[in-house]
Amino acid sequence: MSIIIPKLTVVGAGPGDEDLITLKAIKAIESANVILYDALINEALLKYASDDAELIFVGKRKGCYAFQQEQINDLIVAKAKEKGHVVRLKGGDPFIFGRGAEEIDYVREFGLETYMVPGISSSMAVPAYQGIPVTKRGASESFWVITGTTKKHQLSGDVSLAAKSTATVVILMGMSKLGEIVKIFSAENKQDMSVAIIQNGTRDNENVGIGTIGTIEQIVAEKQLANPAIIIIGDVVKERAVLSTICKEVARG
């Protein structure tokens, strides 16, 4: 009789394109007894799972939670003790607004071995696929990555600080707060600052809107942009026209 060793591996699935996942992540998926996966992952990645693996969707779609976070934490522990290796498959990188660290902290209290496989973050990969570098000499010396919605469902106060800087600002989960974001940047006299909004980044159904702080809300309405999307604000957005053709050719291989 084999001994069950309960363990958790938190795995980053990347921004959406099936090919943007690491070899280490695929190996973790292949070895999993149970996979708890989120809504933002590309479900094509589940083909790497063993035929015997139990696959459980625990994500959120359109504000509807399959499981609350506390339930997910308890499920990880229960399944690990029952079956052994649990993979928690999350979109992007689980340590960038992905609650991966919270889950690891929780299960360690129950004696589980824990491992982390980083993923490619949408905060950099999604702009890159559109030929937008988050930094470029002469355009941006740094960048902020900010959550658009805090635990209290409010816009992060860091957006106001970022708006005062010359850095590129990347906002995740911020579409519902777009009006507030526009007001904050307008108050800094940045109505002409370039903005890109990218929905379903790196996927076949990617949708993009390009404008300025002053025009982006109208563009969002015209192009019917919605979550999941990221917002990129800064002069680097102007680089898209130069780089997009090159990036698309590389992606085609």
Protein backbone atom coordinates (compact mmCIF):
# COMPACT_ATOMS: atom_id res chain seq x y z
CA MET A 1 0.00 0.00 0.00
CA SER A 2 1.47 3.31 -1.09
CA ILE A 3 1.84 6.15 1.40
CA ILE A 4 0.05 9.36 0.51
CA ILE A 5 2.21 12.45 0.89
CA PRO A 6 -0.07 15.49 0.85
CA LYS A 7 1.41 18.37 -1.11
CA LEU A 8 0.38 21.48 -2.98
CA THR A 9 1.99 22.97 -6.07
CA VAL A 10 0.74 26.41 -7.03
CA VAL A 11 1.24 26.74 -10.78
CA GLY A 12 1.13 29.82 -13.01
CA ALA A 13 -0.66 29.06 -16.27
CA GLY A 14 0.42 32.24 -18.05
CA PRO A 15 -1.73 34.95 -19.65
CA GLY A 16 -3.90 32.82 -21.94
CA ASP A 17 -2.01 31.55 -24.96
CA GLU A 18 -1.60 27.80 -24.44
CA ASP A 19 2.05 27.94 -25.48
CA LEU A 20 2.95 30.54 -22.85
CA ILE A 21 3.44 28.01 -20.06
CA THR A 22 6.70 26.69 -18.67
CA LEU A 23 7.99 23.14 -18.94
CA LYS A 24 8.07 22.95 -15.15
CA ALA A 25 4.37 23.85 -15.04
CA ILE A 26 3.52 21.10 -17.53
CA LYS A 27 5.47 18.56 -15.47
CA ALA A 28 3.53 19.60 -12.37
CA ILE A 29 0.20 19.21 -14.17
CA GLU A 30 1.24 15.78 -15.46
CA SER A 31 2.08 14.57 -11.96
CA ALA A 32 -1.03 15.92 -10.22
CA ASN A 33 -3.61 13.70 -8.58
CA VAL A 34 -6.03 16.64 -8.32
CA ILE A 35 -6.12 19.93 -10.24
CA LEU A 36 -8.08 22.91 -8.96
CA TYR A 37 -8.23 25.41 -11.81
CA ASP A 38 -9.40 28.99 -12.25
CA ALA A 39 -11.55 30.66 -14.90
CA LEU A 40 -8.69 32.61 -16.49
CA ILE A 41 -6.59 29.59 -17.44
CA ASN A 42 -6.67 28.14 -20.93
CA GLU A 43 -8.49 24.84 -20.40
CA ALA A 44 -6.45 23.31 -23.23
CA LEU A 45 -3.70 22.96 -20.60
CA LEU A 46 -5.78 20.31 -18.85
CA LYS A 47 -4.89 17.88 -21.64
CA TYR A 48 -1.54 17.42 -19.90
CA ALA A 49 -3.27 15.98 -16.84
CA SER A 50 -3.26 12.27 -16.12
CA ASP A 51 -6.39 10.34 -17.10
CA ASP A 52 -6.77 9.52 -13.41
CA ALA A 53 -6.47 13.11 -12.20
CA GLU A 54 -9.53 14.76 -10.67
CA LEU A 55 -10.25 18.13 -12.30
CA ILE A 56 -12.21 20.68 -10.28
CA PHE A 57 -13.22 24.14 -11.53
CA VAL A 58 -13.00 26.66 -8.68
CA GLY A 59 -12.96 29.91 -10.63
CA LYS A 60 -15.14 32.97 -10.95
CA ARG A 61 -17.16 33.97 -13.99
CA LYS A 62 -19.18 37.20 -14.28
CA GLY A 63 -19.17 37.74 -10.52
CA CYS A 64 -20.33 34.18 -9.79
CA TYR A 65 -17.99 32.20 -7.56
CA ALA A 66 -17.84 28.42 -7.92
CA PHE A 67 -16.18 28.37 -4.49
CA GLN A 68 -15.34 31.06 -1.97
CA GLN A 69 -11.64 31.39 -1.11
CA GLU A 70 -12.09 29.78 2.31
CA GLN A 71 -13.74 26.78 0.63
CA ILE A 72 -10.88 26.48 -1.85
CA ASN A 73 -8.35 26.49 0.98
CA ASP A 74 -10.21 23.69 2.77
CA LEU A 75 -10.63 21.74 -0.47
CA ILE A 76 -6.89 21.83 -1.15
CA VAL A 77 -6.16 20.35 2.27
CA ALA A 78 -8.88 17.69 2.03
CA LYS A 79 -7.91 16.55 -1.47
CA ALA A 80 -4.20 16.52 -0.66
CA LYS A 81 -4.78 14.29 2.36
CA GLU A 82 -7.08 12.05 0.34
CA LYS A 83 -5.14 11.77 -2.92
CA GLY A 84 -1.67 13.32 -2.52
CA HIS A 85 -0.49 15.92 -5.02
CA VAL A 86 -2.81 18.88 -5.60
CA VAL A 87 -2.00 21.41 -8.33
CA ARG A 88 -3.60 24.82 -7.97
CA LEU A 89 -3.63 26.10 -11.54
CA LYS A 90 -3.96 29.88 -11.78
CA GLY A 91 -3.86 32.38 -14.61
CA GLY A 92 -0.77 34.52 -15.12
CA ASP A 93 1.60 34.40 -12.18
CA PRO A 94 -0.03 33.30 -8.89
CA PHE A 95 2.10 35.67 -6.82
CA ILE A 96 0.90 38.77 -8.73
CA PHE A 97 -2.62 39.41 -7.42
CA GLY A 98 -3.28 35.68 -7.66
CA ARG A 99 -3.66 34.77 -3.96
CA GLY A 100 -1.10 32.00 -4.40
CA ALA A 101 0.84 33.10 -1.33
CA GLU A 102 -2.34 33.10 0.78
CA GLU A 103 -3.13 29.51 -0.19
CA ILE A 104 0.39 28.33 0.54
CA ASP A 105 0.35 30.04 3.95
CA TYR A 106 -2.95 28.37 4.80
CA VAL A 107 -2.10 24.79 3.84
CA ARG A 108 1.29 24.82 5.54
CA GLU A 109 -0.55 24.93 8.85
CA PHE A 110 -1.88 21.46 8.00
CA GLY A 111 1.52 19.97 7.24
CA LEU A 112 1.35 19.97 3.45
CA GLU A 113 4.53 20.19 1.43
CA THR A 114 4.30 23.30 -0.75
CA TYR A 115 5.87 24.26 -4.05
CA MET A 116 5.55 27.21 -6.42
CA VAL A 117 5.91 27.30 -10.22
CA PRO A 118 5.94 30.92 -11.45
CA GLY A 119 3.97 31.86 -14.54
CA ILE A 120 4.29 34.54 -17.20
CA SER A 121 2.34 37.53 -15.91
CA SER A 122 -0.29 39.19 -18.07
CA SER A 123 0.95 42.55 -16.79
CA MET A 124 3.97 42.26 -19.12
CA ALA A 125 3.07 39.57 -21.64
CA VAL A 126 -0.25 41.02 -22.79
CA PRO A 127 1.21 44.44 -23.68
CA ALA A 128 4.19 42.70 -25.30
CA TYR A 129 1.91 40.70 -27.62
CA GLN A 130 0.56 44.04 -28.86
CA GLY A 131 4.04 45.46 -29.35
CA ILE A 132 3.84 47.62 -26.23
CA PRO A 133 6.98 47.54 -24.06
CA VAL A 134 6.19 48.50 -20.48
CA THR A 135 9.59 50.23 -20.35
CA LYS A 136 11.61 51.83 -23.10
CA ARG A 137 14.54 54.20 -23.02
CA GLY A 138 13.26 57.73 -23.54
CA ALA A 139 9.65 56.78 -22.87
CA SER A 140 9.46 55.08 -19.46
CA GLU A 141 12.06 54.26 -16.84
CA SER A 142 9.76 52.15 -14.64
CA PHE A 143 6.30 50.69 -14.39
CA TRP A 144 3.59 50.17 -11.81
CA VAL A 145 1.41 47.07 -11.69
CA ILE A 146 -1.69 47.82 -9.65
CA THR A 147 -4.86 45.97 -8.79
CA GLY A 148 -7.89 47.92 -9.90
CA THR A 149 -10.10 46.43 -7.20
CA THR A 150 -8.97 45.93 -3.61
CA LYS A 151 -10.33 43.48 -1.05
CA LYS A 152 -12.92 46.12 -0.15
CA HIS A 153 -13.94 46.38 -3.83
CA GLN A 154 -12.48 49.87 -4.06
CA LEU A 155 -9.95 51.34 -6.46
CA SER A 156 -6.43 51.09 -5.07
CA GLY A 157 -5.07 54.35 -3.67
CA ASP A 158 -1.81 53.58 -5.47
CA VAL A 159 -3.45 54.64 -8.75
CA SER A 160 -3.41 58.26 -7.55
CA LEU A 161 0.28 57.98 -6.68
CA ALA A 162 1.09 56.37 -10.02
CA ALA A 163 -0.77 59.09 -11.91
CA LYS A 164 1.67 61.65 -10.52
CA SER A 165 4.67 59.75 -11.89
CA THR A 166 6.15 59.38 -15.36
CA ALA A 167 6.03 55.59 -15.15
CA THR A 168 3.96 53.22 -17.25
CA VAL A 169 0.88 52.19 -15.27
CA VAL A 170 -0.58 48.71 -15.75
CA ILE A 171 -3.89 48.11 -14.00
CA LEU A 172 -5.32 44.63 -13.60
CA MET A 173 -8.99 43.99 -12.79
CA GLY A 174 -9.77 47.66 -13.29
CA MET A 175 -12.46 47.82 -15.96
CA SER A 176 -15.28 48.44 -13.49
CA LYS A 177 -13.27 51.38 -12.13
CA LEU A 178 -12.34 52.90 -15.50
CA GLY A 179 -14.35 56.08 -14.88
CA GLU A 180 -12.53 56.69 -11.59
CA ILE A 181 -9.17 56.03 -13.23
CA VAL A 182 -9.90 58.54 -15.98
CA LYS A 183 -10.85 61.19 -13.41
CA ILE A 184 -7.63 60.65 -11.44
CA PHE A 185 -5.38 61.02 -14.50
CA SER A 186 -7.43 63.96 -15.82
CA ALA A 187 -6.90 65.73 -12.50
CA GLU A 188 -3.15 65.47 -13.22
CA ASN A 189 -3.70 67.17 -16.60
CA LYS A 190 -3.00 63.94 -18.48
CA GLN A 191 -6.04 63.91 -20.76
CA ASP A 192 -3.74 63.34 -23.74
CA MET A 193 -1.84 60.46 -22.15
CA SER A 194 -1.98 57.31 -24.30
CA VAL A 195 -4.04 54.35 -23.09
CA ALA A 196 -4.43 50.76 -24.30
CA ILE A 197 -7.06 48.34 -23.07
CA ILE A 198 -6.56 44.71 -24.04
CA GLN A 199 -9.28 42.13 -23.48
CA ASN A 200 -8.52 38.38 -23.59
CA GLY A 201 -4.85 39.16 -24.13
CA THR A 202 -2.73 36.62 -26.09
CA ARG A 203 -5.83 34.59 -26.99
CA ASP A 204 -7.45 34.13 -30.40
CA ASN A 205 -10.37 36.36 -29.35
CA GLU A 206 -8.14 39.23 -28.20
CA ASN A 207 -9.81 42.65 -28.47
CA VAL A 208 -7.89 45.93 -28.26
CA GLY A 209 -8.81 49.56 -27.79
CA ILE A 210 -6.26 52.37 -28.16
CA GLY A 211 -6.91 55.97 -27.17
CA THR A 212 -6.11 58.61 -24.60
CA ILE A 213 -7.34 59.35 -21.10
CA GLY A 214 -9.81 61.74 -22.70
CA THR A 215 -11.18 59.28 -25.28
CA ILE A 216 -10.79 55.81 -23.81
CA GLU A 217 -14.25 55.52 -22.25
CA GLN A 218 -15.89 56.20 -25.61
CA ILE A 219 -13.58 53.68 -27.30
CA VAL A 220 -14.45 51.05 -24.69
CA ALA A 221 -18.14 51.57 -25.39
CA GLU A 222 -17.65 51.43 -29.17
CA LYS A 223 -15.54 48.27 -29.07
CA GLN A 224 -17.57 46.70 -26.25
CA LEU A 225 -14.44 46.00 -24.22
CA ALA A 226 -14.98 44.23 -20.91
CA ASN A 227 -13.28 41.91 -18.45
CA PRO A 228 -10.97 40.07 -18.50
CA ALA A 229 -8.87 43.01 -19.63
CA ILE A 230 -5.85 45.02 -18.58
CA ILE A 231 -5.31 48.76 -18.81
CA ILE A 232 -1.95 50.21 -19.89
CA ILE A 233 -1.38 53.95 -19.45
CA GLY A 234 1.73 55.75 -20.64
CA ASP A 235 3.83 56.96 -23.55
CA VAL A 236 4.93 53.40 -24.31
CA VAL A 237 1.49 52.74 -25.82
CA LYS A 238 2.60 54.91 -28.75
CA GLU A 239 5.23 52.26 -29.57
CA ARG A 240 2.52 49.79 -30.61
CA ALA A 241 2.32 51.01 -34.21
CA VAL A 242 6.05 50.39 -34.63
CA LEU A 243 6.30 46.97 -33.02
CA SER A 244 2.97 45.22 -33.55
CA THR A 245 3.75 43.89 -37.03
CA ILE A 246 7.09 42.46 -35.89
CA CYS A 247 5.56 40.78 -32.84
CA LYS A 248 2.76 39.21 -34.84
CA GLU A 249 5.21 37.75 -37.35
CA VAL A 250 7.30 36.25 -34.53
CA ALA A 251 4.15 34.78 -32.92
CA ARG A 252 3.25 33.08 -36.19
CA GLY A 253 6.69 31.46 -36.17
